[in-house]
C-alpha cells in the first residue's frame, strides 16, 4: 500500500540535496521570520494597550476639556507639564493653554502663518 503524499516529507528530501549554504539560509530564515512576526504582533498589541489606556485615563469635564496635571503628555512619551501652548480644537477655535489653567479661546480671525497647517485640528 502506498503512503499518502506528504508535502513536508517531499520538502525534507529535497532539502538534503541542496548545497550547504542554501540549507543554512533556510535554517536562519525560518526563525528570523517567526521572530519578526512575533515582534510585529507584540508591537501592535503594545500600541493597542497604550491607546486604550490613554483613552481610559483621559478624564475630562462636561465640556470635553482635559483637567488635572497628570494627563498632559508630550510627543515621544515625555512626562512634563506644558507651560504654554496654542492649538486648534475640533470646533475650529484657537485655544491657549497655560500651565495650571483651563484652556481659553483666543480671538484670532487670522492666525499667524507659523500656526497654519500644523497638526490636524480643524482641518
N, C-alpha and C. Protein backbone atom coordinates (compact mmCIF):
# COMPACT_ATOMS: atom_id res chain seq x y z
N UNK A 1 0.84 -1.17 0.00
CA UNK A 1 0.00 0.00 0.00
C UNK A 1 0.89 1.24 0.00
N UNK A 2 0.58 2.17 -0.88
CA UNK A 2 1.37 3.39 -0.99
C UNK A 2 1.04 4.36 0.13
N UNK A 3 2.06 5.08 0.53
CA UNK A 3 1.88 6.12 1.55
C UNK A 3 1.24 7.35 0.91
N UNK A 4 0.39 8.08 1.65
CA UNK A 4 -0.18 9.30 1.09
C UNK A 4 0.91 10.36 0.92
N UNK A 5 0.69 11.25 -0.03
CA UNK A 5 1.68 12.29 -0.32
C UNK A 5 1.81 13.23 0.87
N UNK A 6 3.06 13.54 1.23
CA UNK A 6 3.34 14.46 2.33
C UNK A 6 4.22 15.59 1.81
N UNK A 7 3.69 16.78 1.87
CA UNK A 7 4.44 17.95 1.43
C UNK A 7 5.70 18.11 2.28
N UNK A 8 5.58 17.88 3.57
CA UNK A 8 6.71 18.02 4.48
C UNK A 8 7.82 17.01 4.13
N UNK A 9 7.46 15.77 3.87
CA UNK A 9 8.45 14.75 3.52
C UNK A 9 9.11 15.07 2.18
N UNK A 10 8.34 15.56 1.23
CA UNK A 10 8.88 15.93 -0.08
C UNK A 10 9.88 17.07 0.07
N UNK A 11 9.52 18.10 0.83
CA UNK A 11 10.42 19.24 1.02
C UNK A 11 11.69 18.81 1.74
N UNK A 12 11.56 17.96 2.76
CA UNK A 12 12.71 17.50 3.52
C UNK A 12 13.66 16.66 2.65
N UNK A 13 13.12 15.84 1.76
CA UNK A 13 14.00 15.04 0.90
C UNK A 13 14.76 15.94 -0.09
N UNK A 14 14.13 17.00 -0.57
CA UNK A 14 14.82 17.95 -1.45
C UNK A 14 15.81 18.80 -0.67
N UNK A 15 15.49 19.11 0.58
CA UNK A 15 16.36 19.93 1.43
C UNK A 15 17.73 19.28 1.56
N UNK A 16 17.78 17.96 1.71
CA UNK A 16 19.06 17.26 1.89
C UNK A 16 19.92 17.28 0.64
N UNK A 17 19.33 17.52 -0.52
CA UNK A 17 20.12 17.55 -1.76
C UNK A 17 20.63 18.94 -2.10
N UNK A 18 20.17 19.97 -1.40
CA UNK A 18 20.61 21.34 -1.69
C UNK A 18 22.02 21.58 -1.16
N UNK A 19 22.72 22.58 -1.71
CA UNK A 19 24.05 22.93 -1.18
C UNK A 19 23.94 23.42 0.27
N UNK A 20 25.05 23.32 0.99
CA UNK A 20 25.02 23.65 2.41
C UNK A 20 24.65 25.11 2.68
N UNK A 21 25.08 26.04 1.83
CA UNK A 21 24.76 27.44 2.10
C UNK A 21 23.26 27.71 1.94
N UNK A 22 22.59 26.99 1.04
CA UNK A 22 21.13 27.13 0.89
C UNK A 22 20.44 26.53 2.13
N UNK A 23 20.95 25.40 2.60
CA UNK A 23 20.39 24.82 3.82
C UNK A 23 20.56 25.77 5.00
N UNK A 24 21.72 26.41 5.10
CA UNK A 24 21.97 27.35 6.19
C UNK A 24 21.02 28.55 6.08
N UNK A 25 20.77 29.02 4.85
CA UNK A 25 19.83 30.13 4.68
C UNK A 25 18.43 29.75 5.16
N UNK A 26 18.00 28.54 4.84
CA UNK A 26 16.68 28.09 5.30
C UNK A 26 16.63 27.98 6.82
N UNK A 27 17.71 27.47 7.41
CA UNK A 27 17.74 27.31 8.86
C UNK A 27 17.75 28.65 9.59
N UNK A 28 18.25 29.69 8.95
CA UNK A 28 18.25 31.03 9.55
C UNK A 28 16.96 31.77 9.21
N UNK A 29 16.48 31.62 7.99
CA UNK A 29 15.32 32.40 7.54
C UNK A 29 14.04 32.06 8.31
N UNK A 30 13.84 30.81 8.63
CA UNK A 30 12.60 30.42 9.31
C UNK A 30 12.52 31.01 10.72
N UNK A 31 13.56 30.89 11.58
CA UNK A 31 13.45 31.51 12.91
C UNK A 31 13.38 33.04 12.84
N UNK A 32 14.09 33.65 11.90
CA UNK A 32 14.04 35.11 11.78
C UNK A 32 12.64 35.55 11.38
N UNK A 33 12.01 34.82 10.50
CA UNK A 33 10.63 35.15 10.10
C UNK A 33 9.68 35.01 11.28
N UNK A 34 9.81 33.95 12.04
CA UNK A 34 8.94 33.74 13.20
C UNK A 34 9.16 34.85 14.23
N UNK A 35 10.42 35.19 14.50
CA UNK A 35 10.70 36.27 15.45
C UNK A 35 10.17 37.61 14.95
N UNK A 36 10.30 37.87 13.67
CA UNK A 36 9.78 39.12 13.11
C UNK A 36 8.27 39.22 13.23
N UNK A 37 7.57 38.14 12.93
CA UNK A 37 6.11 38.14 13.07
C UNK A 37 5.69 38.31 14.53
N UNK A 38 6.42 37.67 15.44
CA UNK A 38 6.10 37.82 16.87
C UNK A 38 6.35 39.26 17.31
N UNK A 39 7.44 39.86 16.83
CA UNK A 39 7.74 41.25 17.18
C UNK A 39 6.64 42.18 16.67
N UNK A 40 6.20 42.00 15.42
CA UNK A 40 5.13 42.83 14.88
C UNK A 40 3.83 42.66 15.67
N UNK A 41 3.49 41.43 16.02
CA UNK A 41 2.26 41.19 16.77
C UNK A 41 2.34 41.83 18.15
N UNK A 42 3.46 41.68 18.84
CA UNK A 42 3.60 42.26 20.18
C UNK A 42 3.64 43.78 20.13
N UNK A 43 4.27 44.34 19.09
CA UNK A 43 4.29 45.80 18.95
C UNK A 43 2.88 46.33 18.71
N UNK A 44 2.11 45.66 17.88
CA UNK A 44 0.73 46.07 17.65
C UNK A 44 -0.10 45.96 18.91
N UNK A 45 0.12 44.90 19.66
CA UNK A 45 -0.59 44.72 20.94
C UNK A 45 -0.21 45.82 21.93
N UNK A 46 1.08 46.16 21.98
CA UNK A 46 1.54 47.22 22.88
C UNK A 46 0.91 48.56 22.49
N UNK A 47 0.89 48.88 21.20
CA UNK A 47 0.29 50.14 20.75
C UNK A 47 -1.20 50.18 21.06
N UNK A 48 -1.87 49.05 20.91
CA UNK A 48 -3.29 48.98 21.23
C UNK A 48 -3.53 49.21 22.72
N UNK A 49 -2.73 48.59 23.55
CA UNK A 49 -2.88 48.76 25.00
C UNK A 49 -2.59 50.20 25.41
N UNK A 50 -1.56 50.81 24.82
CA UNK A 50 -1.23 52.20 25.14
C UNK A 50 -2.37 53.12 24.73
N UNK A 51 -2.93 52.94 23.55
CA UNK A 51 -4.01 53.82 23.11
C UNK A 51 -5.26 53.63 23.96
N UNK A 52 -5.55 52.39 24.36
CA UNK A 52 -6.70 52.15 25.24
C UNK A 52 -6.47 52.73 26.62
N UNK A 53 -5.25 52.65 27.14
CA UNK A 53 -5.00 53.19 28.47
C UNK A 53 -5.05 54.72 28.45
N UNK A 54 -4.61 55.35 27.36
CA UNK A 54 -4.72 56.81 27.26
C UNK A 54 -6.18 57.22 27.20
N UNK A 55 -6.99 56.45 26.51
CA UNK A 55 -8.41 56.76 26.42
C UNK A 55 -9.06 56.64 27.79
N UNK A 56 -8.68 55.59 28.55
CA UNK A 56 -9.26 55.38 29.88
C UNK A 56 -8.82 56.44 30.87
N UNK A 57 -7.58 56.92 30.77
CA UNK A 57 -7.07 57.89 31.73
C UNK A 57 -7.31 59.32 31.32
N UNK A 58 -7.86 59.56 30.16
CA UNK A 58 -8.10 60.92 29.68
C UNK A 58 -9.36 61.51 30.28
N UNK A 59 -9.38 61.69 31.59
CA UNK A 59 -10.56 62.24 32.26
C UNK A 59 -10.82 63.65 31.76
N UNK A 60 -12.09 63.99 31.62
CA UNK A 60 -12.44 65.32 31.15
C UNK A 60 -13.68 65.80 31.86
N UNK A 61 -13.90 67.12 31.81
CA UNK A 61 -15.10 67.64 32.44
C UNK A 61 -16.24 67.62 31.44
N UNK A 62 -17.34 68.29 31.72
CA UNK A 62 -18.52 68.23 30.85
C UNK A 62 -18.29 68.84 29.48
N UNK A 63 -17.30 69.71 29.37
CA UNK A 63 -17.04 70.39 28.09
C UNK A 63 -16.03 69.62 27.24
N UNK A 64 -15.55 68.48 27.69
CA UNK A 64 -14.60 67.69 26.92
C UNK A 64 -13.17 68.17 27.07
N UNK A 65 -12.91 69.11 27.99
CA UNK A 65 -11.57 69.62 28.18
C UNK A 65 -10.83 68.77 29.21
N UNK A 66 -9.60 68.36 28.94
CA UNK A 66 -8.85 67.60 29.93
C UNK A 66 -8.59 68.45 31.17
N UNK A 67 -8.56 67.82 32.31
CA UNK A 67 -8.24 68.55 33.52
C UNK A 67 -7.23 67.79 34.33
N UNK A 68 -6.65 68.45 35.29
CA UNK A 68 -5.59 67.85 36.10
C UNK A 68 -4.26 68.00 35.41
N UNK A 69 -3.19 67.77 36.14
CA UNK A 69 -1.86 68.00 35.59
C UNK A 69 -1.21 66.73 35.05
N UNK A 70 -1.69 65.56 35.45
CA UNK A 70 -1.02 64.33 35.06
C UNK A 70 -1.35 63.85 33.67
N UNK A 71 -2.41 64.38 33.03
CA UNK A 71 -2.82 63.85 31.74
C UNK A 71 -2.07 64.43 30.54
N UNK A 72 -1.44 65.58 30.70
CA UNK A 72 -0.77 66.21 29.57
C UNK A 72 0.55 65.52 29.34
N UNK A 73 0.71 64.96 28.15
CA UNK A 73 1.95 64.27 27.80
C UNK A 73 2.42 64.80 26.46
N UNK A 74 3.70 65.01 26.35
CA UNK A 74 4.27 65.50 25.11
C UNK A 74 4.52 64.37 24.14
N UNK A 75 5.08 64.71 22.99
CA UNK A 75 5.39 63.70 21.98
C UNK A 75 6.54 62.83 22.46
N UNK A 76 6.52 61.59 22.08
CA UNK A 76 7.60 60.68 22.41
C UNK A 76 7.59 60.21 23.85
N UNK A 77 6.48 60.42 24.57
CA UNK A 77 6.38 59.93 25.94
C UNK A 77 7.01 60.83 26.98
N UNK A 78 7.36 62.07 26.62
CA UNK A 78 7.89 62.98 27.64
C UNK A 78 6.84 63.16 28.71
N UNK A 79 7.25 63.22 29.93
CA UNK A 79 6.31 63.37 31.03
C UNK A 79 6.59 64.67 31.75
N UNK A 80 6.25 65.74 31.11
CA UNK A 80 6.40 67.05 31.72
C UNK A 80 5.13 67.84 31.55
N UNK A 81 5.11 69.00 32.12
CA UNK A 81 3.94 69.87 32.02
C UNK A 81 4.12 70.82 30.85
N UNK A 82 3.04 71.02 30.10
CA UNK A 82 3.04 72.01 29.05
C UNK A 82 2.87 73.36 29.72
N UNK A 83 3.83 74.25 29.55
CA UNK A 83 3.78 75.55 30.20
C UNK A 83 2.88 76.50 29.42
N UNK A 84 3.00 76.47 28.08
CA UNK A 84 2.23 77.39 27.27
C UNK A 84 2.06 76.74 25.90
N UNK A 85 0.86 76.74 25.38
CA UNK A 85 0.64 76.16 24.06
C UNK A 85 -0.57 76.75 23.38
N UNK A 86 -0.53 76.77 22.05
CA UNK A 86 -1.65 77.23 21.25
C UNK A 86 -2.05 76.08 20.34
N UNK A 87 -3.35 75.77 20.31
CA UNK A 87 -3.82 74.70 19.45
C UNK A 87 -5.21 75.04 18.94
N UNK A 88 -5.65 74.30 17.93
CA UNK A 88 -6.98 74.49 17.37
C UNK A 88 -7.82 73.29 17.75
N UNK A 89 -8.95 73.53 18.40
CA UNK A 89 -9.80 72.44 18.85
C UNK A 89 -10.66 71.94 17.68
N UNK A 90 -11.39 70.84 17.88
CA UNK A 90 -12.19 70.27 16.78
C UNK A 90 -13.26 71.22 16.23
N UNK A 91 -13.68 72.20 17.01
CA UNK A 91 -14.68 73.16 16.53
C UNK A 91 -14.03 74.29 15.73
N UNK A 92 -12.71 74.30 15.60
CA UNK A 92 -12.02 75.32 14.82
C UNK A 92 -11.61 76.53 15.63
N UNK A 93 -11.83 76.52 16.94
CA UNK A 93 -11.44 77.65 17.78
C UNK A 93 -9.97 77.54 18.14
N UNK A 94 -9.27 78.67 18.18
CA UNK A 94 -7.88 78.70 18.62
C UNK A 94 -7.88 78.83 20.13
N UNK A 95 -7.17 77.93 20.80
CA UNK A 95 -7.16 77.88 22.25
C UNK A 95 -5.72 78.07 22.76
N UNK A 96 -5.59 78.74 23.91
CA UNK A 96 -4.30 78.92 24.57
C UNK A 96 -4.35 78.13 25.87
N UNK A 97 -3.33 77.31 26.06
CA UNK A 97 -3.22 76.57 27.32
C UNK A 97 -2.05 77.15 28.09
N UNK A 98 -2.30 77.51 29.33
CA UNK A 98 -1.25 77.95 30.24
C UNK A 98 -1.24 76.96 31.40
N UNK A 99 -0.06 76.65 31.88
CA UNK A 99 0.12 75.65 32.93
C UNK A 99 -0.79 75.94 34.13
N UNK A 100 -1.55 74.93 34.51
CA UNK A 100 -2.40 75.04 35.69
C UNK A 100 -3.71 75.76 35.46
N UNK A 101 -4.01 76.14 34.21
CA UNK A 101 -5.26 76.84 33.92
C UNK A 101 -6.03 76.07 32.87
N UNK A 102 -7.31 76.37 32.79
CA UNK A 102 -8.15 75.77 31.78
C UNK A 102 -7.86 76.45 30.43
N UNK A 103 -7.88 75.72 29.32
CA UNK A 103 -7.66 76.36 28.02
C UNK A 103 -8.67 77.48 27.76
N UNK A 104 -8.19 78.59 27.17
CA UNK A 104 -9.04 79.74 26.90
C UNK A 104 -9.03 80.02 25.40
N UNK A 105 -10.18 80.43 24.89
CA UNK A 105 -10.30 80.75 23.47
C UNK A 105 -9.60 82.07 23.18
N UNK A 106 -8.94 82.14 22.02
CA UNK A 106 -8.26 83.35 21.57
C UNK A 106 -9.05 83.91 20.40
N UNK A 107 -9.24 85.20 20.37
CA UNK A 107 -9.99 85.84 19.28
C UNK A 107 -9.03 86.17 18.14
N UNK A 108 -8.70 85.16 17.35
CA UNK A 108 -7.83 85.34 16.19
C UNK A 108 -8.64 85.04 14.94
N UNK A 109 -8.85 86.02 14.13
CA UNK A 109 -9.51 85.76 12.87
C UNK A 109 -8.48 85.36 11.81
N UNK A 110 -7.27 85.85 11.95
CA UNK A 110 -6.16 85.49 11.06
C UNK A 110 -4.99 85.02 11.91
N UNK A 111 -4.86 83.70 12.12
CA UNK A 111 -3.76 83.22 12.94
C UNK A 111 -2.43 83.45 12.25
N UNK A 112 -1.35 83.50 13.02
CA UNK A 112 -0.03 83.67 12.41
C UNK A 112 0.31 82.51 11.47
N UNK A 113 1.07 82.79 10.40
CA UNK A 113 1.38 81.75 9.41
C UNK A 113 2.09 80.54 9.99
N UNK A 114 2.88 80.70 11.04
CA UNK A 114 3.58 79.56 11.59
C UNK A 114 2.66 78.56 12.26
N UNK A 115 1.41 78.95 12.55
CA UNK A 115 0.45 78.03 13.17
C UNK A 115 -0.48 77.38 12.16
N UNK A 116 -0.57 77.91 10.96
CA UNK A 116 -1.48 77.36 9.96
C UNK A 116 -0.87 76.07 9.41
N UNK A 117 -1.71 75.03 9.34
CA UNK A 117 -1.28 73.75 8.76
C UNK A 117 -0.55 72.85 9.71
N UNK A 118 -0.36 73.24 10.96
CA UNK A 118 0.30 72.36 11.94
C UNK A 118 -0.75 71.52 12.62
N UNK A 119 -0.48 70.26 12.78
CA UNK A 119 -1.40 69.36 13.47
C UNK A 119 -2.60 69.05 12.58
N UNK A 120 -3.63 68.44 13.18
CA UNK A 120 -4.81 68.09 12.40
C UNK A 120 -6.05 68.74 12.95
N UNK A 121 -5.94 69.66 13.88
CA UNK A 121 -7.10 70.31 14.45
C UNK A 121 -7.77 71.24 13.46
N UNK A 122 -9.08 71.07 13.27
CA UNK A 122 -9.84 71.96 12.43
C UNK A 122 -9.65 71.81 10.95
N UNK A 123 -8.77 70.91 10.50
CA UNK A 123 -8.53 70.80 9.05
C UNK A 123 -9.40 69.74 8.46
